[in-house]
Amino acid sequence: MANKRKLLRGNYNPVNRYKKSVNLQWAVWNGKRTQLCTSCIKALTK
């Protein structure tokens, strides 16, 4: 997870932050069904 600010206004008038979630997918890895992020799945298939 990562927090990031919405930069709608100037630097001295910040607004609330929003959460960026990981894109988890169910996948079979080493014979077990687990949740992996899409970037991990992409790296494992190479």
PDB file of N, CA and C in Angstrom:
ATOM      1  N   MET A   1       0.828  -1.172   0.000  1.00  0.00           N
ATOM      2  CA  MET A   1       0.000   0.000   0.000  1.00  0.00           C
ATOM      3  C   MET A   1       0.875   1.239   0.000  1.00  0.00           C
ATOM      4  N   ALA A   2       0.377   2.222  -0.650  1.00  0.00           N
ATOM      5  CA  ALA A   2       1.118   3.477  -0.703  1.00  0.00           C
ATOM      6  C   ALA A   2       0.142   4.628  -0.544  1.00  0.00           C
ATOM      7  N   ASN A   3       0.569   5.645   0.155  1.00  0.00           N
ATOM      8  CA  ASN A   3      -0.236   6.852   0.308  1.00  0.00           C
ATOM      9  C   ASN A   3       0.278   7.907  -0.640  1.00  0.00           C
ATOM     10  N   LYS A   4      -0.623   8.637  -1.243  1.00  0.00           N
ATOM     11  CA  LYS A   4      -0.233   9.692  -2.159  1.00  0.00           C
ATOM     12  C   LYS A   4      -1.195  10.851  -1.987  1.00  0.00           C
ATOM     13  N   ARG A   5      -0.661  12.072  -2.099  1.00  0.00           N
ATOM     14  CA  ARG A   5      -1.503  13.250  -1.963  1.00  0.00           C
ATOM     15  C   ARG A   5      -2.107  13.624  -3.296  1.00  0.00           C
ATOM     16  N   LYS A   6      -3.349  14.081  -3.265  1.00  0.00           N
ATOM     17  CA  LYS A   6      -3.959  14.653  -4.461  1.00  0.00           C
ATOM     18  C   LYS A   6      -3.455  16.078  -4.589  1.00  0.00           C
ATOM     19  N   LEU A   7      -2.804  16.391  -5.685  1.00  0.00           N
ATOM     20  CA  LEU A   7      -2.239  17.726  -5.860  1.00  0.00           C
ATOM     21  C   LEU A   7      -3.181  18.593  -6.687  1.00  0.00           C
ATOM     22  N   LEU A   8      -4.343  18.905  -6.111  1.00  0.00           N
ATOM     23  CA  LEU A   8      -5.313  19.740  -6.810  1.00  0.00           C
ATOM     24  C   LEU A   8      -5.030  21.220  -6.597  1.00  0.00           C
ATOM     25  N   ARG A   9      -4.395  21.521  -5.464  1.00  0.00           N
ATOM     26  CA  ARG A   9      -4.156  22.918  -5.106  1.00  0.00           C
ATOM     27  C   ARG A   9      -2.663  23.162  -4.994  1.00  0.00           C
ATOM     28  N   GLY A  10      -2.275  24.279  -4.446  1.00  0.00           N
ATOM     29  CA  GLY A  10      -0.860  24.615  -4.313  1.00  0.00           C
ATOM     30  C   GLY A  10      -0.163  23.778  -3.251  1.00  0.00           C
ATOM     31  N   ASN A  11       1.133  23.897  -3.174  1.00  0.00           N
ATOM     32  CA  ASN A  11       1.927  23.135  -2.209  1.00  0.00           C
ATOM     33  C   ASN A  11       1.610  23.517  -0.774  1.00  0.00           C
ATOM     34  N   TYR A  12       1.175  24.737  -0.529  1.00  0.00           N
ATOM     35  CA  TYR A  12       0.937  25.187   0.835  1.00  0.00           C
ATOM     36  C   TYR A  12      -0.518  25.025   1.249  1.00  0.00           C
ATOM     37  N   ASN A  13      -1.319  24.408   0.414  1.00  0.00           N
ATOM     38  CA  ASN A  13      -2.715  24.134   0.743  1.00  0.00           C
ATOM     39  C   ASN A  13      -3.013  22.677   0.391  1.00  0.00           C
ATOM     40  N   PRO A  14      -2.405  21.716   1.120  1.00  0.00           N
ATOM     41  CA  PRO A  14      -2.570  20.310   0.752  1.00  0.00           C
ATOM     42  C   PRO A  14      -3.967  19.787   1.081  1.00  0.00           C
ATOM     43  N   VAL A  15      -4.394  18.796   0.342  1.00  0.00           N
ATOM     44  CA  VAL A  15      -5.666  18.124   0.587  1.00  0.00           C
ATOM     45  C   VAL A  15      -5.371  16.725   1.106  1.00  0.00           C
ATOM     46  N   ASN A  16      -6.403  15.967   1.405  1.00  0.00           N
ATOM     47  CA  ASN A  16      -6.247  14.645   2.001  1.00  0.00           C
ATOM     48  C   ASN A  16      -5.516  13.688   1.071  1.00  0.00           C
ATOM     49  N   ARG A  17      -4.932  12.682   1.711  1.00  0.00           N
ATOM     50  CA  ARG A  17      -4.231  11.641   0.968  1.00  0.00           C
ATOM     51  C   ARG A  17      -5.214  10.541   0.585  1.00  0.00           C
ATOM     52  N   TYR A  18      -4.838   9.744  -0.413  1.00  0.00           N
ATOM     53  CA  TYR A  18      -5.663   8.604  -0.769  1.00  0.00           C
ATOM     54  C   TYR A  18      -4.793   7.361  -0.824  1.00  0.00           C
ATOM     55  N   LYS A  19      -5.396   6.200  -0.563  1.00  0.00           N
ATOM     56  CA  LYS A  19      -4.665   4.942  -0.523  1.00  0.00           C
ATOM     57  C   LYS A  19      -4.642   4.307  -1.905  1.00  0.00           C
ATOM     58  N   LYS A  20      -3.522   3.712  -2.225  1.00  0.00           N
ATOM     59  CA  LYS A  20      -3.379   2.981  -3.476  1.00  0.00           C
ATOM     60  C   LYS A  20      -3.161   1.521  -3.105  1.00  0.00           C
ATOM     61  N   SER A  21      -4.108   0.659  -3.448  1.00  0.00           N
ATOM     62  CA  SER A  21      -4.041  -0.739  -3.063  1.00  0.00           C
ATOM     63  C   SER A  21      -3.294  -1.560  -4.099  1.00  0.00           C
ATOM     64  N   VAL A  22      -2.804  -2.702  -3.657  1.00  0.00           N
ATOM     65  CA  VAL A  22      -2.129  -3.643  -4.535  1.00  0.00           C
ATOM     66  C   VAL A  22      -3.191  -4.440  -5.281  1.00  0.00           C
ATOM     67  N   ASN A  23      -2.945  -4.713  -6.569  1.00  0.00           N
ATOM     68  CA  ASN A  23      -3.874  -5.485  -7.388  1.00  0.00           C
ATOM     69  C   ASN A  23      -3.590  -6.967  -7.176  1.00  0.00           C
ATOM     70  N   LEU A  24      -4.312  -7.600  -6.233  1.00  0.00           N
ATOM     71  CA  LEU A  24      -4.099  -9.006  -5.903  1.00  0.00           C
ATOM     72  C   LEU A  24      -4.992  -9.900  -6.747  1.00  0.00           C
ATOM     73  N   GLN A  25      -4.417 -10.986  -7.229  1.00  0.00           N
ATOM     74  CA  GLN A  25      -5.137 -11.971  -8.030  1.00  0.00           C
ATOM     75  C   GLN A  25      -4.861 -13.349  -7.441  1.00  0.00           C
ATOM     76  N   TRP A  26      -5.847 -14.243  -7.559  1.00  0.00           N
ATOM     77  CA  TRP A  26      -5.639 -15.624  -7.145  1.00  0.00           C
ATOM     78  C   TRP A  26      -4.873 -16.340  -8.241  1.00  0.00           C
ATOM     79  N   ALA A  27      -3.816 -17.070  -7.858  1.00  0.00           N
ATOM     80  CA  ALA A  27      -3.000 -17.799  -8.826  1.00  0.00           C
ATOM     81  C   ALA A  27      -2.458 -19.056  -8.162  1.00  0.00           C
ATOM     82  N   VAL A  28      -2.178 -20.062  -8.986  1.00  0.00           N
ATOM     83  CA  VAL A  28      -1.582 -21.296  -8.491  1.00  0.00           C
ATOM     84  C   VAL A  28      -0.073 -21.167  -8.633  1.00  0.00           C
ATOM     85  N   TRP A  29       0.630 -21.239  -7.506  1.00  0.00           N
ATOM     86  CA  TRP A  29       2.082 -21.120  -7.503  1.00  0.00           C
ATOM     87  C   TRP A  29       2.656 -22.219  -6.625  1.00  0.00           C
ATOM     88  N   ASN A  30       3.558 -23.032  -7.176  1.00  0.00           N
ATOM     89  CA  ASN A  30       4.161 -24.184  -6.485  1.00  0.00           C
ATOM     90  C   ASN A  30       3.090 -25.154  -5.985  1.00  0.00           C
ATOM     91  N   GLY A  31       2.053 -25.331  -6.774  1.00  0.00           N
ATOM     92  CA  GLY A  31       0.998 -26.275  -6.425  1.00  0.00           C
ATOM     93  C   GLY A  31       0.010 -25.768  -5.399  1.00  0.00           C
ATOM     94  N   LYS A  32       0.140 -24.526  -4.964  1.00  0.00           N
ATOM     95  CA  LYS A  32      -0.779 -23.957  -3.978  1.00  0.00           C
ATOM     96  C   LYS A  32      -1.470 -22.743  -4.570  1.00  0.00           C
ATOM     97  N   ARG A  33      -2.721 -22.551  -4.177  1.00  0.00           N
ATOM     98  CA  ARG A  33      -3.497 -21.410  -4.649  1.00  0.00           C
ATOM     99  C   ARG A  33      -3.254 -20.251  -3.693  1.00  0.00           C
ATOM    100  N   THR A  34      -2.631 -19.189  -4.182  1.00  0.00           N
ATOM    101  CA  THR A  34      -2.277 -18.053  -3.338  1.00  0.00           C
ATOM    102  C   THR A  34      -2.674 -16.762  -4.021  1.00  0.00           C
ATOM    103  N   GLN A  35      -2.662 -15.686  -3.249  1.00  0.00           N
ATOM    104  CA  GLN A  35      -2.919 -14.366  -3.804  1.00  0.00           C
ATOM    105  C   GLN A  35      -1.590 -13.696  -4.103  1.00  0.00           C
ATOM    106  N   LEU A  36      -1.413 -13.283  -5.360  1.00  0.00           N
ATOM    107  CA  LEU A  36      -0.197 -12.610  -5.798  1.00  0.00           C
ATOM    108  C   LEU A  36      -0.574 -11.307  -6.468  1.00  0.00           C
ATOM    109  N   CYS A  37       0.310 -10.322  -6.372  1.00  0.00           N
ATOM    110  CA  CYS A  37       0.057  -9.074  -7.089  1.00  0.00           C
ATOM    111  C   CYS A  37       0.390  -9.285  -8.565  1.00  0.00           C
ATOM    112  N   THR A  38      -0.180  -8.462  -9.414  1.00  0.00           N
ATOM    113  CA  THR A  38      -0.025  -8.650 -10.854  1.00  0.00           C
ATOM    114  C   THR A  38       1.413  -8.453 -11.302  1.00  0.00           C
ATOM    115  N   SER A  39       2.141  -7.548 -10.662  1.00  0.00           N
ATOM    116  CA  SER A  39       3.546  -7.369 -11.045  1.00  0.00           C
ATOM    117  C   SER A  39       4.373  -8.590 -10.658  1.00  0.00           C
ATOM    118  N   CYS A  40       4.023  -9.254  -9.558  1.00  0.00           N
ATOM    119  CA  CYS A  40       4.725 -10.481  -9.161  1.00  0.00           C
ATOM    120  C   CYS A  40       4.423 -11.610 -10.139  1.00  0.00           C
ATOM    121  N   ILE A  41       3.172 -11.735 -10.560  1.00  0.00           N
ATOM    122  CA  ILE A  41       2.792 -12.761 -11.529  1.00  0.00           C
ATOM    123  C   ILE A  41       3.533 -12.539 -12.835  1.00  0.00           C
ATOM    124  N   LYS A  42       3.628 -11.289 -13.246  1.00  0.00           N
ATOM    125  CA  LYS A  42       4.329 -10.946 -14.482  1.00  0.00           C
ATOM    126  C   LYS A  42       5.810 -11.303 -14.381  1.00  0.00           C
ATOM    127  N   ALA A  43       6.416 -11.054 -13.218  1.00  0.00           N
ATOM    128  CA  ALA A  43       7.832 -11.359 -13.021  1.00  0.00           C
ATOM    129  C   ALA A  43       8.076 -12.864 -12.958  1.00  0.00           C
ATOM    130  N   LEU A  44       7.135 -13.609 -12.377  1.00  0.00           N
ATOM    131  CA  LEU A  44       7.309 -15.052 -12.229  1.00  0.00           C
ATOM    132  C   LEU A  44       7.151 -15.801 -13.546  1.00  0.00           C
ATOM    133  N   THR A  45       6.399 -15.255 -14.479  1.00  0.00           N
ATOM    134  CA  THR A  45       6.196 -15.936 -15.759  1.00  0.00           C
ATOM    135  C   THR A  45       7.363 -15.739 -16.711  1.00  0.00           C
ATOM    136  N   LYS A  46       8.262 -14.797 -16.404  1.00  0.00           N
ATOM    137  CA  LYS A  46       9.421 -14.574 -17.277  1.00  0.00           C
ATOM    138  C   LYS A  46      10.489 -15.617 -17.037  1.00  0.00           C
TER     139      LYS A  46
END
